[in-house]
């Protein structure tokens, strides 16, 4: 007895859709697609977490220094600390995810030491909305970057498929990854 025709047709469409998502190509081609979508591939940022879960499980922190956001750092050693990893240790810790981000950054140092709270008013959620309305997708202070929306972050290994450029799924654009 074979597979029912409607099920076979549905599976065929899923397979076809997955194949369309697989852009692949050379690293240079992937980085060109990333740049077209506004990702800064000249700057790798890192997210350290005590979780050992895969990157697609990375979520917005609800209680960070600046409120909700995905907290990143340009320093992999700093990310190691957040992941519970220590140099020259045999203990297993969490995970460190290398990512690229896109968008304008509110740089506290370039703003004369002013944090968004010094300029905007309301709850952290209100301030994040106002920052976004003013064209900012992240806030940087010192060695930390808080990205307001996961749609502005991608794994360095992503395919950067333009079809999923605005997906909040960090793996959107990786060959074969299904968008959420």
Protein backbone atom coordinates (compact mmCIF):
# COMPACT_ATOMS: atom_id res chain seq x y z
CA UNK A 1 0.00 0.00 0.00
CA UNK A 2 1.45 3.36 -1.03
CA UNK A 3 1.37 6.84 0.46
CA UNK A 4 -2.01 8.58 0.03
CA UNK A 5 -1.90 10.96 -2.94
CA UNK A 6 -2.71 14.11 -0.90
CA UNK A 7 0.03 13.30 1.62
CA UNK A 8 2.54 12.59 -1.15
CA UNK A 9 1.61 15.88 -2.85
CA UNK A 10 2.05 17.79 0.46
CA UNK A 11 5.43 16.16 1.12
CA UNK A 12 6.54 16.98 -2.40
CA UNK A 13 5.65 20.66 -1.89
CA UNK A 14 7.55 20.76 1.42
CA UNK A 15 10.61 19.21 -0.23
CA UNK A 16 10.37 21.70 -3.11
CA UNK A 17 10.10 24.63 -0.68
CA UNK A 18 13.12 23.37 1.28
CA UNK A 19 15.15 23.11 -1.92
CA UNK A 20 14.26 26.70 -2.84
CA UNK A 21 15.58 27.89 0.53
CA UNK A 22 18.96 26.25 -0.04
CA UNK A 23 20.84 29.00 -1.79
CA UNK A 24 24.24 27.73 -0.72
CA UNK A 25 27.10 29.12 -2.72
CA UNK A 26 30.52 30.21 -1.69
CA UNK A 27 31.25 32.15 1.47
CA UNK A 28 31.70 35.25 -0.69
CA UNK A 29 28.23 34.75 -2.22
CA UNK A 30 26.63 34.29 1.22
CA UNK A 31 28.41 37.39 2.55
CA UNK A 32 27.25 39.37 -0.49
CA UNK A 33 23.63 38.38 0.27
CA UNK A 34 24.18 39.31 3.92
CA UNK A 35 25.50 42.74 2.91
CA UNK A 36 22.53 43.25 0.54
CA UNK A 37 20.26 42.66 3.54
CA UNK A 38 22.19 45.17 5.66
CA UNK A 39 24.20 42.80 7.88
CA UNK A 40 27.64 44.03 8.94
CA UNK A 41 29.81 41.04 8.08
CA UNK A 42 32.97 42.91 9.03
CA UNK A 43 31.99 42.66 12.70
CA UNK A 44 31.25 39.35 14.36
CA UNK A 45 29.34 39.61 17.62
CA UNK A 46 28.94 36.83 20.17
CA UNK A 47 26.09 35.74 22.43
CA UNK A 48 27.06 33.70 25.47
CA UNK A 49 24.47 31.65 27.35
CA UNK A 50 24.56 28.95 30.00
CA UNK A 51 22.16 26.96 27.81
CA UNK A 52 23.58 24.16 25.71
CA UNK A 53 20.63 24.39 23.34
CA UNK A 54 21.17 25.06 19.63
CA UNK A 55 21.22 28.62 18.28
CA UNK A 56 17.61 28.52 17.11
CA UNK A 57 16.53 28.40 20.76
CA UNK A 58 18.18 31.78 21.51
CA UNK A 59 15.50 34.16 22.75
CA UNK A 60 15.18 37.77 23.79
CA UNK A 61 16.25 38.32 27.39
CA UNK A 62 13.43 39.83 29.44
CA UNK A 63 15.61 41.19 32.23
CA UNK A 64 18.80 42.62 30.76
CA UNK A 65 20.42 45.89 31.80
CA UNK A 66 18.46 47.81 29.17
CA UNK A 67 15.34 45.66 29.34
CA UNK A 68 14.31 43.25 26.61
CA UNK A 69 16.90 42.43 23.99
CA UNK A 70 19.47 39.95 22.79
CA UNK A 71 22.72 40.85 24.50
CA UNK A 72 25.87 40.48 22.42
CA UNK A 73 29.53 41.38 22.68
CA UNK A 74 32.31 41.86 20.11
CA UNK A 75 34.67 40.05 22.52
CA UNK A 76 34.43 36.23 22.42
CA UNK A 77 36.16 36.01 25.82
CA UNK A 78 33.39 38.16 27.30
CA UNK A 79 30.78 35.84 25.73
CA UNK A 80 32.62 32.87 27.26
CA UNK A 81 32.03 34.37 30.72
CA UNK A 82 28.27 34.57 30.10
CA UNK A 83 28.34 30.97 28.87
CA UNK A 84 30.14 29.80 31.99
CA UNK A 85 33.22 28.84 29.97
CA UNK A 86 36.62 29.46 31.48
CA UNK A 87 40.02 29.36 29.78
CA UNK A 88 42.12 26.29 30.48
CA UNK A 89 39.21 24.53 32.20
CA UNK A 90 37.93 21.05 31.50
CA UNK A 91 34.47 21.94 32.85
CA UNK A 92 31.71 22.13 30.30
CA UNK A 93 29.72 25.32 30.15
CA UNK A 94 27.00 26.69 27.93
CA UNK A 95 27.16 27.95 24.37
CA UNK A 96 28.64 30.89 22.47
CA UNK A 97 26.95 31.83 19.21
CA UNK A 98 28.77 33.97 16.62
CA UNK A 99 26.34 36.27 14.79
CA UNK A 100 26.11 39.27 12.49
CA UNK A 101 23.68 42.09 13.10
CA UNK A 102 22.15 44.80 10.97
CA UNK A 103 20.78 48.23 11.65
CA UNK A 104 21.77 51.46 13.33
CA UNK A 105 23.33 51.33 16.76
CA UNK A 106 22.70 53.89 19.51
CA UNK A 107 26.29 54.13 20.78
CA UNK A 108 26.26 55.53 24.32
CA UNK A 109 29.81 56.87 23.96
CA UNK A 110 28.98 58.67 20.69
CA UNK A 111 25.83 60.06 22.32
CA UNK A 112 27.95 61.85 24.92
CA UNK A 113 27.49 59.13 27.52
CA UNK A 114 23.70 59.29 27.30
CA UNK A 115 21.73 56.08 27.54
CA UNK A 116 18.37 55.96 25.76
CA UNK A 117 16.64 56.41 29.13
CA UNK A 118 18.33 59.83 29.39
CA UNK A 119 16.62 60.94 26.17
CA UNK A 120 13.38 58.94 25.94
CA UNK A 121 10.72 58.40 28.58
CA UNK A 122 8.42 55.59 29.57
CA UNK A 123 8.90 51.92 30.27
CA UNK A 124 11.73 49.92 28.73
CA UNK A 125 9.20 48.68 26.18
CA UNK A 126 8.22 52.29 25.33
CA UNK A 127 11.87 53.28 24.97
CA UNK A 128 12.61 50.28 22.71
CA UNK A 129 9.65 51.27 20.52
CA UNK A 130 10.85 54.90 20.36
CA UNK A 131 14.39 53.77 19.48
CA UNK A 132 13.01 51.58 16.72
CA UNK A 133 10.81 54.41 15.45
CA UNK A 134 13.93 56.60 15.27
CA UNK A 135 15.76 53.97 13.21
CA UNK A 136 17.84 52.24 15.89
CA UNK A 137 17.98 48.46 16.16
CA UNK A 138 20.49 48.19 19.02
CA UNK A 139 22.19 50.00 21.89
CA UNK A 140 25.91 49.70 22.56
CA UNK A 141 27.69 50.67 25.72
CA UNK A 142 31.25 49.65 26.36
CA UNK A 143 31.74 46.03 25.32
CA UNK A 144 28.04 45.12 25.13
CA UNK A 145 25.35 45.45 22.49
CA UNK A 146 21.63 44.98 23.15
CA UNK A 147 19.74 44.15 19.95
CA UNK A 148 16.05 45.00 20.22
CA UNK A 149 14.69 42.44 17.73
CA UNK A 150 16.05 39.02 16.73
CA UNK A 151 15.05 39.78 13.11
CA UNK A 152 18.24 41.91 13.04
CA UNK A 153 20.55 39.02 13.98
CA UNK A 154 21.71 36.03 11.93
CA UNK A 155 24.09 33.19 12.54
CA UNK A 156 27.40 33.67 10.73
CA UNK A 157 26.56 30.36 9.03
CA UNK A 158 23.22 31.50 7.59
CA UNK A 159 22.53 31.36 3.87
CA UNK A 160 20.98 34.86 4.12
CA UNK A 161 18.05 33.89 1.95
CA UNK A 162 16.29 37.16 1.04
CA UNK A 163 12.94 35.39 1.30
CA UNK A 164 13.39 35.30 5.09
CA UNK A 165 15.22 38.59 5.61
CA UNK A 166 12.70 39.84 8.23
CA UNK A 167 12.17 36.56 10.08
CA UNK A 168 12.88 36.63 13.83
CA UNK A 169 14.25 33.07 13.51
CA UNK A 170 18.05 33.22 13.81
CA UNK A 171 18.32 30.22 11.52
CA UNK A 172 16.05 31.67 8.85
CA UNK A 173 18.11 31.66 5.75
CA UNK A 174 20.16 28.61 6.69
CA UNK A 175 19.78 25.92 4.09
CA UNK A 176 16.87 23.70 4.97
CA UNK A 177 15.82 25.65 8.09
CA UNK A 178 12.09 26.15 8.39
CA UNK A 179 10.93 29.65 9.34
CA UNK A 180 8.75 30.01 12.42
